[in-house]
PDB file of N, CA and C in Angstrom:
ATOM      1  N   MET A   1     121.151 111.344 105.684  1.00  0.00           N
ATOM      2  CA  MET A   1     119.697 111.336 105.705  1.00  0.00           C
ATOM      3  C   MET A   1     119.144 112.760 105.719  1.00  0.00           C
ATOM      4  N   LEU A   2     119.868 113.692 106.300  1.00  0.00           N
ATOM      5  CA  LEU A   2     119.364 115.063 106.376  1.00  0.00           C
ATOM      6  C   LEU A   2     119.197 115.726 105.008  1.00  0.00           C
ATOM      7  N   PRO A   3     120.120 115.545 104.062  1.00  0.00           N
ATOM      8  CA  PRO A   3     119.873 116.138 102.741  1.00  0.00           C
ATOM      9  C   PRO A   3     118.613 115.585 102.061  1.00  0.00           C
ATOM     10  N   ILE A   4     118.331 114.327 102.295  1.00  0.00           N
ATOM     11  CA  ILE A   4     117.122 113.725 101.722  1.00  0.00           C
ATOM     12  C   ILE A   4     115.886 114.336 102.358  1.00  0.00           C
ATOM     13  N   LEU A   5     115.907 114.523 103.661  1.00  0.00           N
ATOM     14  CA  LEU A   5     114.772 115.134 104.348  1.00  0.00           C
ATOM     15  C   LEU A   5     114.584 116.583 103.917  1.00  0.00           C
ATOM     16  N   LYS A   6     115.685 117.284 103.726  1.00  0.00           N
ATOM     17  CA  LYS A   6     115.610 118.677 103.270  1.00  0.00           C
ATOM     18  C   LYS A   6     114.975 118.739 101.880  1.00  0.00           C
ATOM     19  N   ARG A   7     115.387 117.826 100.991  1.00  0.00           N
ATOM     20  CA  ARG A   7     114.814 117.773  99.648  1.00  0.00           C
ATOM     21  C   ARG A   7     113.329 117.444  99.699  1.00  0.00           C
ATOM     22  N   ASP A   8     112.960 116.489 100.550  1.00  0.00           N
ATOM     23  CA  ASP A   8     111.558 116.102 100.661  1.00  0.00           C
ATOM     24  C   ASP A   8     110.701 117.241 101.213  1.00  0.00           C
ATOM     25  N   LEU A   9     111.233 117.980 102.172  1.00  0.00           N
ATOM     26  CA  LEU A   9     110.497 119.124 102.716  1.00  0.00           C
ATOM     27  C   LEU A   9     110.299 120.184 101.640  1.00  0.00           C
ATOM     28  N   TYR A  10     111.329 120.418 100.843  1.00  0.00           N
ATOM     29  CA  TYR A  10     111.223 121.386  99.753  1.00  0.00           C
ATOM     30  C   TYR A  10     110.181 120.931  98.721  1.00  0.00           C
ATOM     31  N   GLU A  11     110.205 119.646  98.367  1.00  0.00           N
ATOM     32  CA  GLU A  11     109.236 119.120  97.407  1.00  0.00           C
ATOM     33  C   GLU A  11     107.815 119.187  97.956  1.00  0.00           C
ATOM     34  N   THR A  12     107.635 118.915  99.238  1.00  0.00           N
ATOM     35  CA  THR A  12     106.325 119.013  99.868  1.00  0.00           C
ATOM     36  C   THR A  12     105.832 120.448  99.843  1.00  0.00           C
ATOM     37  N   LYS A  13     106.730 121.372 100.158  1.00  0.00           N
ATOM     38  CA  LYS A  13     106.380 122.795 100.136  1.00  0.00           C
ATOM     39  C   LYS A  13     105.967 123.223  98.735  1.00  0.00           C
ATOM     40  N   GLU A  14     106.728 122.827  97.726  1.00  0.00           N
ATOM     41  CA  GLU A  14     106.415 123.191  96.344  1.00  0.00           C
ATOM     42  C   GLU A  14     105.097 122.569  95.886  1.00  0.00           C
ATOM     43  N   ALA A  15     104.829 121.328  96.296  1.00  0.00           N
ATOM     44  CA  ALA A  15     103.579 120.675  95.927  1.00  0.00           C
ATOM     45  C   ALA A  15     102.387 121.390  96.551  1.00  0.00           C
ATOM     46  N   CYS A  16     102.528 121.813  97.795  1.00  0.00           N
ATOM     47  CA  CYS A  16     101.443 122.542  98.457  1.00  0.00           C
ATOM     48  C   CYS A  16     101.211 123.887  97.782  1.00  0.00           C
ATOM     49  N   ILE A  17     102.270 124.565  97.420  1.00  0.00           N
ATOM     50  CA  ILE A  17     102.134 125.849  96.732  1.00  0.00           C
ATOM     51  C   ILE A  17     101.460 125.643  95.370  1.00  0.00           C
ATOM     52  N   ALA A  18     101.804 124.558  94.673  1.00  0.00           N
ATOM     53  CA  ALA A  18     101.186 124.266  93.377  1.00  0.00           C
ATOM     54  C   ALA A  18      99.694 123.985  93.528  1.00  0.00           C
ATOM     55  N   LYS A  19      99.306 123.439  94.680  1.00  0.00           N
ATOM     56  CA  LYS A  19      97.894 123.168  94.933  1.00  0.00           C
ATOM     57  C   LYS A  19      97.153 124.383  95.459  1.00  0.00           C
ATOM     58  N   GLY A  20      97.858 125.488  95.639  1.00  0.00           N
ATOM     59  CA  GLY A  20      97.214 126.717  96.091  1.00  0.00           C
ATOM     60  C   GLY A  20      97.275 126.952  97.583  1.00  0.00           C
ATOM     61  N   ILE A  21      98.056 126.165  98.286  1.00  0.00           N
ATOM     62  CA  ILE A  21      98.224 126.349  99.728  1.00  0.00           C
ATOM     63  C   ILE A  21      99.425 127.261  99.936  1.00  0.00           C
ATOM     64  N   ASP A  22      99.195 128.443 100.457  1.00  0.00           N
ATOM     65  CA  ASP A  22     100.285 129.393 100.686  1.00  0.00           C
ATOM     66  C   ASP A  22     101.206 128.895 101.787  1.00  0.00           C
ATOM     67  N   PHE A  23     102.484 129.187 101.644  1.00  0.00           N
ATOM     68  CA  PHE A  23     103.468 128.792 102.649  1.00  0.00           C
ATOM     69  C   PHE A  23     103.590 129.931 103.659  1.00  0.00           C
ATOM     70  N   ASN A  24     102.769 129.862 104.702  1.00  0.00           N
ATOM     71  CA  ASN A  24     102.824 130.857 105.771  1.00  0.00           C
ATOM     72  C   ASN A  24     102.598 130.155 107.108  1.00  0.00           C
ATOM     73  N   VAL A  25     102.619 130.925 108.174  1.00  0.00           N
ATOM     74  CA  VAL A  25     102.516 130.354 109.520  1.00  0.00           C
ATOM     75  C   VAL A  25     101.178 129.647 109.715  1.00  0.00           C
ATOM     76  N   LYS A  26     100.131 130.198 109.129  1.00  0.00           N
ATOM     77  CA  LYS A  26      98.795 129.622 109.286  1.00  0.00           C
ATOM     78  C   LYS A  26      98.708 128.223 108.673  1.00  0.00           C
ATOM     79  N   ASN A  27      99.347 128.016 107.538  1.00  0.00           N
ATOM     80  CA  ASN A  27      99.255 126.739 106.827  1.00  0.00           C
ATOM     81  C   ASN A  27     100.436 125.820 107.063  1.00  0.00           C
ATOM     82  N   ILE A  28     101.345 126.195 107.928  1.00  0.00           N
ATOM     83  CA  ILE A  28     102.533 125.364 108.136  1.00  0.00           C
ATOM     84  C   ILE A  28     102.168 124.007 108.740  1.00  0.00           C
ATOM     85  N   LYS A  29     101.065 123.951 109.486  1.00  0.00           N
ATOM     86  CA  LYS A  29     100.624 122.667 110.042  1.00  0.00           C
ATOM     87  C   LYS A  29     100.275 121.690 108.923  1.00  0.00           C
ATOM     88  N   ILE A  30      99.631 122.171 107.880  1.00  0.00           N
ATOM     89  CA  ILE A  30      99.253 121.321 106.756  1.00  0.00           C
ATOM     90  C   ILE A  30     100.501 120.800 106.052  1.00  0.00           C
ATOM     91  N   ILE A  31     101.453 121.691 105.836  1.00  0.00           N
ATOM     92  CA  ILE A  31     102.681 121.309 105.134  1.00  0.00           C
ATOM     93  C   ILE A  31     103.468 120.293 105.942  1.00  0.00           C
ATOM     94  N   PHE A  32     103.601 120.525 107.255  1.00  0.00           N
ATOM     95  CA  PHE A  32     104.345 119.576 108.084  1.00  0.00           C
ATOM     96  C   PHE A  32     103.598 118.259 108.237  1.00  0.00           C
ATOM     97  N   ALA A  33     102.275 118.288 108.235  1.00  0.00           N
ATOM     98  CA  ALA A  33     101.513 117.037 108.305  1.00  0.00           C
ATOM     99  C   ALA A  33     101.791 116.191 107.067  1.00  0.00           C
ATOM    100  N   LYS A  34     101.787 116.815 105.893  1.00  0.00           N
ATOM    101  CA  LYS A  34     102.087 116.086 104.664  1.00  0.00           C
ATOM    102  C   LYS A  34     103.530 115.585 104.671  1.00  0.00           C
ATOM    103  N   PHE A  35     104.444 116.410 105.194  1.00  0.00           N
ATOM    104  CA  PHE A  35     105.851 116.019 105.259  1.00  0.00           C
ATOM    105  C   PHE A  35     106.041 114.825 106.188  1.00  0.00           C
ATOM    106  N   PHE A  36     105.421 114.843 107.362  1.00  0.00           N
ATOM    107  CA  PHE A  36     105.595 113.741 108.299  1.00  0.00           C
ATOM    108  C   PHE A  36     104.935 112.465 107.788  1.00  0.00           C
ATOM    109  N   LEU A  37     103.851 112.594 107.036  1.00  0.00           N
ATOM    110  CA  LEU A  37     103.256 111.418 106.424  1.00  0.00           C
ATOM    111  C   LEU A  37     104.218 110.803 105.416  1.00  0.00           C
ATOM    112  N   LEU A  38     104.861 111.648 104.616  1.00  0.00           N
ATOM    113  CA  LEU A  38     105.878 111.172 103.679  1.00  0.00           C
ATOM    114  C   LEU A  38     107.051 110.545 104.425  1.00  0.00           C
ATOM    115  N   LEU A  39     107.467 111.162 105.530  1.00  0.00           N
ATOM    116  CA  LEU A  39     108.576 110.651 106.332  1.00  0.00           C
ATOM    117  C   LEU A  39     108.264 109.275 106.909  1.00  0.00           C
ATOM    118  N   ILE A  40     107.061 109.097 107.433  1.00  0.00           N
ATOM    119  CA  ILE A  40     106.664 107.810 108.004  1.00  0.00           C
ATOM    120  C   ILE A  40     106.637 106.741 106.918  1.00  0.00           C
ATOM    121  N   THR A  41     106.172 107.106 105.737  1.00  0.00           N
ATOM    122  CA  THR A  41     106.155 106.160 104.619  1.00  0.00           C
ATOM    123  C   THR A  41     107.570 105.725 104.247  1.00  0.00           C
ATOM    124  N   LYS A  42     108.500 106.687 104.195  1.00  0.00           N
ATOM    125  CA  LYS A  42     109.891 106.350 103.858  1.00  0.00           C
ATOM    126  C   LYS A  42     110.531 105.478 104.927  1.00  0.00           C
ATOM    127  N   VAL A  43     110.262 105.753 106.192  1.00  0.00           N
ATOM    128  CA  VAL A  43     110.815 104.945 107.277  1.00  0.00           C
ATOM    129  C   VAL A  43     110.270 103.526 107.200  1.00  0.00           C
ATOM    130  N   ASN A  44     108.996 103.397 106.875  1.00  0.00           N
ATOM    131  CA  ASN A  44     108.398 102.076 106.743  1.00  0.00           C
ATOM    132  C   ASN A  44     109.035 101.303 105.587  1.00  0.00           C
ATOM    133  N   GLN A  45     109.281 101.969 104.464  1.00  0.00           N
ATOM    134  CA  GLN A  45     109.940 101.317 103.334  1.00  0.00           C
ATOM    135  C   GLN A  45     111.367 100.907 103.682  1.00  0.00           C
ATOM    136  N   LEU A  46     112.060 101.748 104.413  1.00  0.00           N
ATOM    137  CA  LEU A  46     113.420 101.424 104.840  1.00  0.00           C
ATOM    138  C   LEU A  46     113.426 100.218 105.763  1.00  0.00           C
ATOM    139  N   GLU A  47     112.467 100.175 106.688  1.00  0.00           N
ATOM    140  CA  GLU A  47     112.355  99.033 107.597  1.00  0.00           C
ATOM    141  C   GLU A  47     112.112  97.742 106.823  1.00  0.00           C
ATOM    142  N   GLU A  48     111.196  97.790 105.879  1.00  0.00           N
ATOM    143  CA  GLU A  48     110.886  96.593 105.094  1.00  0.00           C
ATOM    144  C   GLU A  48     112.083  96.131 104.270  1.00  0.00           C
ATOM    145  N   SER A  49     112.839  97.069 103.713  1.00  0.00           N
ATOM    146  CA  SER A  49     113.998  96.676 102.923  1.00  0.00           C
ATOM    147  C   SER A  49     115.095  96.073 103.805  1.00  0.00           C
ATOM    148  N   LEU A  50     115.271  96.604 105.007  1.00  0.00           N
ATOM    149  CA  LEU A  50     116.276  96.041 105.914  1.00  0.00           C
ATOM    150  C   LEU A  50     115.879  94.639 106.382  1.00  0.00           C
ATOM    151  N   ILE A  51     114.599  94.442 106.642  1.00  0.00           N
ATOM    152  CA  ILE A  51     114.126  93.112 107.036  1.00  0.00           C
ATOM    153  C   ILE A  51     114.302  92.129 105.889  1.00  0.00           C
ATOM    154  N   ALA A  52     114.035  92.575 104.653  1.00  0.00           N
ATOM    155  CA  ALA A  52     114.191  91.705 103.488  1.00  0.00           C
ATOM    156  C   ALA A  52     115.652  91.302 103.285  1.00  0.00           C
ATOM    157  N   LYS A  53     116.572  92.174 103.704  1.00  0.00           N
ATOM    158  CA  LYS A  53     118.002  91.873 103.569  1.00  0.00           C
ATOM    159  C   LYS A  53     118.514  91.021 104.726  1.00  0.00           C
ATOM    160  N   GLY A  54     117.669  90.774 105.723  1.00  0.00           N
ATOM    161  CA  GLY A  54     118.076  89.904 106.815  1.00  0.00           C
ATOM    162  C   GLY A  54     118.463  90.618 108.084  1.00  0.00           C
ATOM    163  N   TYR A  55     118.349  91.921 108.126  1.00  0.00           N
ATOM    164  CA  TYR A  55     118.669  92.657 109.343  1.00  0.00           C
ATOM    165  C   TYR A  55     117.446  92.679 110.256  1.00  0.00           C
ATOM    166  N   GLY A  56     117.654  92.616 111.547  1.00  0.00           N
ATOM    167  CA  GLY A  56     116.582  92.764 112.501  1.00  0.00           C
ATOM    168  C   GLY A  56     115.859  91.485 112.887  1.00  0.00           C
ATOM    169  N   ASN A  57     116.205  90.383 112.302  1.00  0.00           N
ATOM    170  CA  ASN A  57     115.574  89.104 112.664  1.00  0.00           C
ATOM    171  C   ASN A  57     116.504  88.278 113.541  1.00  0.00           C
ATOM    172  N   GLU A  58     117.073  88.891 114.528  1.00  0.00           N
ATOM    173  CA  GLU A  58     118.040  88.190 115.383  1.00  0.00           C
ATOM    174  C   GLU A  58     117.396  87.688 116.640  1.00  0.00           C
TER     175      GLU A  58
END
């Protein structure tokens, strides 16, 4: 899972830079906020897929 998170953080950083948000200490809160929103979305999708496969309904 860590390589996926590392890739997602890199993609989030690159997307912010493309939008004109500099990657510095002042804007790191914005970058991490976008990253954690992406992380929560992925965790939610993982939860839904596991429930669909029958895990967690015990």
